[in-house]
Every structure is written in structure tokens, then in C-alpha cells.
Amino acid sequence: MRVFDESLEEASSYLNRAKNLDAKATDTATLLSDLLLYENTISLKNDSDAMRKMSQQATEDSRSIKVITIITTVFVPPTVTAVSAKKESHWASR
């Protein structure tokens, strides 16, 4: 009977160790999950910052294109007219 009691006590000890290991494994899995979630959040924040900067740059580029378009619209027609008139007067004087 003594051998049985010792075996039962040893089995109980192993069961307690297994429960403790299970709890530690669960805590470790939760910690890893939280760490991955944190890393993902940081990555998304960095992506968001990069997209915001690209959007600002696109807005600035759009403003520049509008200015170039306005300048072109104002100056190209008179330039073409002046060049055409000069060519006509040059050919007329010959």
C-alpha cells in the first residue's frame, strides 16, 4: 500500500507540474499575441504617417501643376501670335 501511496503522490506532483506548465504556456501565448498586435499597430501607424506625407506631397504637386498651367495659358498664345506675326512680316518684307 505504501508503494501505491508514493506513486499516487508522485502522480499528483506531476499533475500539478503539468497544470503549471499549461498555465505558463497559455500566458506565453497571450504575451506573444499581444506583442504581435503591438508590432502590427506600430507598423500601421508608420504606414499611415507615410501615406499622409505622400498625400501632402501630391497636394503640393497639384498646386504646382495648376500654377504651371495658368502661366502656360497666359503666355503661350501671345508668344505664338508674336512669332507668327514676326514670320509674316519677315516674309512680307522679302
N, C-alpha and C. Protein backbone atom coordinates (compact mmCIF):
# COMPACT_ATOMS: atom_id res chain seq x y z
N MET A 1 0.81 -1.18 0.00
CA MET A 1 0.00 0.00 0.00
C MET A 1 0.87 1.27 0.00
N ARG A 2 2.00 1.17 0.67
CA ARG A 2 2.91 2.30 0.73
C ARG A 2 3.42 2.68 -0.65
N VAL A 3 3.70 1.73 -1.50
CA VAL A 3 4.18 1.97 -2.86
C VAL A 3 3.07 2.66 -3.66
N PHE A 4 1.86 2.21 -3.44
CA PHE A 4 0.74 2.84 -4.13
C PHE A 4 0.57 4.30 -3.71
N ASP A 5 0.69 4.57 -2.42
CA ASP A 5 0.57 5.95 -1.93
C ASP A 5 1.68 6.85 -2.48
N GLU A 6 2.89 6.30 -2.55
CA GLU A 6 4.02 7.07 -3.11
C GLU A 6 3.78 7.34 -4.60
N SER A 7 3.28 6.34 -5.29
CA SER A 7 3.00 6.52 -6.72
C SER A 7 1.89 7.55 -6.93
N LEU A 8 0.88 7.50 -6.07
CA LEU A 8 -0.21 8.46 -6.15
C LEU A 8 0.28 9.87 -5.87
N GLU A 9 1.14 10.02 -4.88
CA GLU A 9 1.72 11.33 -4.56
C GLU A 9 2.59 11.84 -5.70
N GLU A 10 3.37 10.96 -6.31
CA GLU A 10 4.21 11.34 -7.44
C GLU A 10 3.35 11.74 -8.64
N ALA A 11 2.28 11.01 -8.89
CA ALA A 11 1.36 11.33 -10.00
C ALA A 11 0.70 12.68 -9.75
N SER A 12 0.33 12.94 -8.49
CA SER A 12 -0.28 14.22 -8.14
C SER A 12 0.71 15.36 -8.36
N SER A 13 1.97 15.13 -8.02
CA SER A 13 3.01 16.13 -8.22
C SER A 13 3.19 16.41 -9.72
N TYR A 14 3.20 15.35 -10.54
CA TYR A 14 3.32 15.53 -11.99
C TYR A 14 2.12 16.28 -12.56
N LEU A 15 0.93 15.99 -12.03
CA LEU A 15 -0.27 16.67 -12.49
C LEU A 15 -0.19 18.16 -12.17
N ASN A 16 0.28 18.50 -10.97
CA ASN A 16 0.44 19.91 -10.59
C ASN A 16 1.47 20.60 -11.49
N ARG A 17 2.56 19.92 -11.79
CA ARG A 17 3.57 20.48 -12.69
C ARG A 17 3.00 20.70 -14.09
N ALA A 18 2.19 19.74 -14.56
CA ALA A 18 1.59 19.86 -15.88
C ALA A 18 0.62 21.05 -15.92
N LYS A 19 -0.15 21.22 -14.85
CA LYS A 19 -1.07 22.36 -14.78
C LYS A 19 -0.29 23.68 -14.79
N ASN A 20 0.81 23.73 -14.04
CA ASN A 20 1.64 24.94 -14.01
C ASN A 20 2.25 25.22 -15.38
N LEU A 21 2.72 24.17 -16.06
CA LEU A 21 3.29 24.34 -17.40
C LEU A 21 2.22 24.80 -18.38
N ASP A 22 1.01 24.25 -18.26
CA ASP A 22 -0.09 24.67 -19.13
C ASP A 22 -0.40 26.15 -18.91
N ALA A 23 -0.44 26.58 -17.66
CA ALA A 23 -0.71 27.99 -17.36
C ALA A 23 0.39 28.88 -17.92
N LYS A 24 1.64 28.46 -17.77
CA LYS A 24 2.76 29.24 -18.31
C LYS A 24 2.71 29.30 -19.83
N ALA A 25 2.36 28.18 -20.47
CA ALA A 25 2.27 28.15 -21.94
C ALA A 25 1.14 29.08 -22.41
N THR A 26 0.03 29.07 -21.69
CA THR A 26 -1.09 29.96 -22.05
C THR A 26 -0.67 31.41 -21.89
N ASP A 27 0.01 31.73 -20.79
CA ASP A 27 0.47 33.10 -20.58
C ASP A 27 1.48 33.53 -21.64
N THR A 28 2.36 32.61 -22.03
CA THR A 28 3.35 32.92 -23.06
C THR A 28 2.66 33.15 -24.41
N ALA A 29 1.66 32.33 -24.73
CA ALA A 29 0.92 32.52 -25.98
C ALA A 29 0.20 33.86 -25.98
N THR A 30 -0.39 34.24 -24.86
CA THR A 30 -1.07 35.53 -24.76
C THR A 30 -0.07 36.66 -24.91
N LEU A 31 1.08 36.53 -24.29
CA LEU A 31 2.12 37.56 -24.40
C LEU A 31 2.58 37.72 -25.85
N LEU A 32 2.80 36.60 -26.54
CA LEU A 32 3.23 36.67 -27.93
C LEU A 32 2.15 37.28 -28.81
N SER A 33 0.91 36.93 -28.55
CA SER A 33 -0.19 37.51 -29.32
C SER A 33 -0.26 39.02 -29.10
N ASP A 34 -0.13 39.45 -27.87
CA ASP A 34 -0.15 40.88 -27.57
C ASP A 34 1.04 41.60 -28.21
N LEU A 35 2.19 40.95 -28.21
CA LEU A 35 3.38 41.55 -28.82
C LEU A 35 3.19 41.70 -30.33
N LEU A 36 2.62 40.68 -30.99
CA LEU A 36 2.36 40.78 -32.42
C LEU A 36 1.34 41.86 -32.73
N LEU A 37 0.33 41.98 -31.88
CA LEU A 37 -0.67 43.02 -32.06
C LEU A 37 -0.03 44.40 -31.92
N TYR A 38 0.86 44.55 -30.95
CA TYR A 38 1.56 45.82 -30.75
C TYR A 38 2.43 46.16 -31.97
N GLU A 39 3.18 45.18 -32.44
CA GLU A 39 4.03 45.40 -33.61
C GLU A 39 3.20 45.77 -34.84
N ASN A 40 2.06 45.12 -35.00
CA ASN A 40 1.17 45.42 -36.11
C ASN A 40 0.64 46.84 -36.00
N THR A 41 0.30 47.26 -34.79
CA THR A 41 -0.19 48.61 -34.58
C THR A 41 0.88 49.64 -34.92
N ILE A 42 2.10 49.39 -34.52
CA ILE A 42 3.21 50.30 -34.83
C ILE A 42 3.42 50.37 -36.35
N SER A 43 3.36 49.22 -37.00
CA SER A 43 3.53 49.17 -38.46
C SER A 43 2.43 49.97 -39.16
N LEU A 44 1.19 49.79 -38.71
CA LEU A 44 0.08 50.53 -39.32
C LEU A 44 0.22 52.03 -39.09
N LYS A 45 0.72 52.43 -37.94
CA LYS A 45 0.93 53.86 -37.66
C LYS A 45 1.99 54.42 -38.61
N ASN A 46 3.07 53.67 -38.79
CA ASN A 46 4.12 54.12 -39.71
C ASN A 46 3.59 54.21 -41.14
N ASP A 47 2.79 53.23 -41.55
CA ASP A 47 2.20 53.27 -42.88
C ASP A 47 1.27 54.47 -43.03
N SER A 48 0.51 54.75 -41.98
CA SER A 48 -0.40 55.89 -42.00
C SER A 48 0.37 57.20 -42.13
N ASP A 49 1.46 57.32 -41.40
CA ASP A 49 2.29 58.53 -41.49
C ASP A 49 2.87 58.69 -42.90
N ALA A 50 3.32 57.59 -43.47
CA ALA A 50 3.88 57.64 -44.83
C ALA A 50 2.81 58.04 -45.84
N MET A 51 1.62 57.51 -45.70
CA MET A 51 0.53 57.85 -46.62
C MET A 51 0.14 59.33 -46.48
N ARG A 52 0.16 59.83 -45.25
CA ARG A 52 -0.17 61.24 -45.03
C ARG A 52 0.88 62.13 -45.71
N LYS A 53 2.15 61.78 -45.58
CA LYS A 53 3.21 62.57 -46.22
C LYS A 53 3.07 62.52 -47.74
N MET A 54 2.75 61.35 -48.28
CA MET A 54 2.58 61.24 -49.73
C MET A 54 1.39 62.06 -50.20
N SER A 55 0.34 62.08 -49.42
CA SER A 55 -0.84 62.87 -49.76
C SER A 55 -0.51 64.36 -49.76
N GLN A 56 0.24 64.80 -48.77
CA GLN A 56 0.65 66.21 -48.73
C GLN A 56 1.52 66.56 -49.93
N GLN A 57 2.43 65.67 -50.30
CA GLN A 57 3.30 65.91 -51.45
C GLN A 57 2.48 65.97 -52.73
N ALA A 58 1.48 65.10 -52.85
CA ALA A 58 0.62 65.11 -54.04
C ALA A 58 -0.17 66.41 -54.11
N THR A 59 -0.61 66.91 -52.98
CA THR A 59 -1.34 68.18 -52.95
C THR A 59 -0.43 69.32 -53.40
N GLU A 60 0.80 69.33 -52.91
CA GLU A 60 1.76 70.36 -53.32
C GLU A 60 2.07 70.26 -54.81
N ASP A 61 2.23 69.04 -55.31
CA ASP A 61 2.48 68.84 -56.74
C ASP A 61 1.30 69.34 -57.56
N SER A 62 0.10 69.08 -57.08
CA SER A 62 -1.10 69.54 -57.78
C SER A 62 -1.14 71.06 -57.86
N ARG A 63 -0.77 71.72 -56.79
CA ARG A 63 -0.72 73.19 -56.80
C ARG A 63 0.31 73.68 -57.82
N SER A 64 1.46 73.03 -57.86
CA SER A 64 2.50 73.43 -58.82
C SER A 64 2.01 73.26 -60.26
N ILE A 65 1.33 72.15 -60.52
CA ILE A 65 0.82 71.91 -61.88
C ILE A 65 -0.21 72.97 -62.25
N LYS A 66 -1.05 73.39 -61.30
CA LYS A 66 -2.04 74.43 -61.58
C LYS A 66 -1.35 75.75 -61.92
N VAL A 67 -0.29 76.09 -61.18
CA VAL A 67 0.44 77.33 -61.46
C VAL A 67 1.07 77.27 -62.85
N ILE A 68 1.69 76.13 -63.17
CA ILE A 68 2.31 75.98 -64.49
C ILE A 68 1.25 76.08 -65.59
N THR A 69 0.08 75.50 -65.36
CA THR A 69 -1.00 75.55 -66.34
C THR A 69 -1.47 76.98 -66.56
N ILE A 70 -1.62 77.73 -65.48
CA ILE A 70 -2.07 79.13 -65.60
C ILE A 70 -1.02 79.95 -66.35
N ILE A 71 0.24 79.78 -65.99
CA ILE A 71 1.31 80.53 -66.67
C ILE A 71 1.33 80.18 -68.15
N THR A 72 1.20 78.90 -68.46
CA THR A 72 1.21 78.46 -69.86
C THR A 72 0.01 79.04 -70.61
N THR A 73 -1.13 79.02 -69.98
CA THR A 73 -2.34 79.55 -70.61
C THR A 73 -2.22 81.04 -70.90
N VAL A 74 -1.55 81.77 -70.02
CA VAL A 74 -1.41 83.22 -70.20
C VAL A 74 -0.34 83.56 -71.23
N PHE A 75 0.78 82.88 -71.22
CA PHE A 75 1.92 83.30 -72.04
C PHE A 75 2.05 82.61 -73.39
N VAL A 76 1.57 81.39 -73.55
CA VAL A 76 1.78 80.70 -74.82
C VAL A 76 1.00 81.33 -75.98
N PRO A 77 -0.28 81.63 -75.85
CA PRO A 77 -0.98 82.21 -77.01
C PRO A 77 -0.36 83.52 -77.51
N PRO A 78 -0.01 84.49 -76.63
CA PRO A 78 0.64 85.69 -77.16
C PRO A 78 1.99 85.41 -77.81
N THR A 79 2.71 84.43 -77.26
CA THR A 79 4.01 84.09 -77.84
C THR A 79 3.83 83.51 -79.24
N VAL A 80 2.87 82.62 -79.40
CA VAL A 80 2.61 82.03 -80.71
C VAL A 80 2.17 83.11 -81.69
N THR A 81 1.33 84.02 -81.22
CA THR A 81 0.86 85.11 -82.08
C THR A 81 2.03 86.01 -82.49
N ALA A 82 2.88 86.33 -81.54
CA ALA A 82 4.03 87.19 -81.85
C ALA A 82 4.98 86.53 -82.83
N VAL A 83 5.24 85.26 -82.64
CA VAL A 83 6.13 84.54 -83.55
C VAL A 83 5.51 84.46 -84.93
N SER A 84 4.22 84.20 -85.00
CA SER A 84 3.55 84.13 -86.30
C SER A 84 3.58 85.48 -87.01
N ALA A 85 3.35 86.54 -86.25
CA ALA A 85 3.36 87.88 -86.84
C ALA A 85 4.76 88.23 -87.34
N LYS A 86 5.77 87.85 -86.58
CA LYS A 86 7.15 88.15 -86.99
C LYS A 86 7.50 87.39 -88.27
N LYS A 87 7.07 86.15 -88.35
CA LYS A 87 7.35 85.37 -89.56
C LYS A 87 6.64 85.98 -90.76
N GLU A 88 5.40 86.40 -90.57
CA GLU A 88 4.64 87.00 -91.68
C GLU A 88 5.30 88.30 -92.13
N SER A 89 5.74 89.11 -91.17
CA SER A 89 6.38 90.38 -91.56
C SER A 89 7.73 90.12 -92.20
N HIS A 90 8.41 89.10 -91.77
CA HIS A 90 9.69 88.74 -92.35
C HIS A 90 9.49 88.29 -93.80
N TRP A 91 8.48 87.48 -94.05
CA TRP A 91 8.23 87.01 -95.40
C TRP A 91 7.65 88.12 -96.28
N ALA A 92 6.92 89.03 -95.65
CA ALA A 92 6.34 90.13 -96.44
C ALA A 92 7.41 91.12 -96.89
N SER A 93 8.46 91.28 -96.12
CA SER A 93 9.49 92.24 -96.47
C SER A 93 10.44 91.70 -97.52
N ARG A 94 10.36 90.47 -97.88
CA ARG A 94 11.28 89.91 -98.89
C ARG A 94 10.80 90.12 -100.26
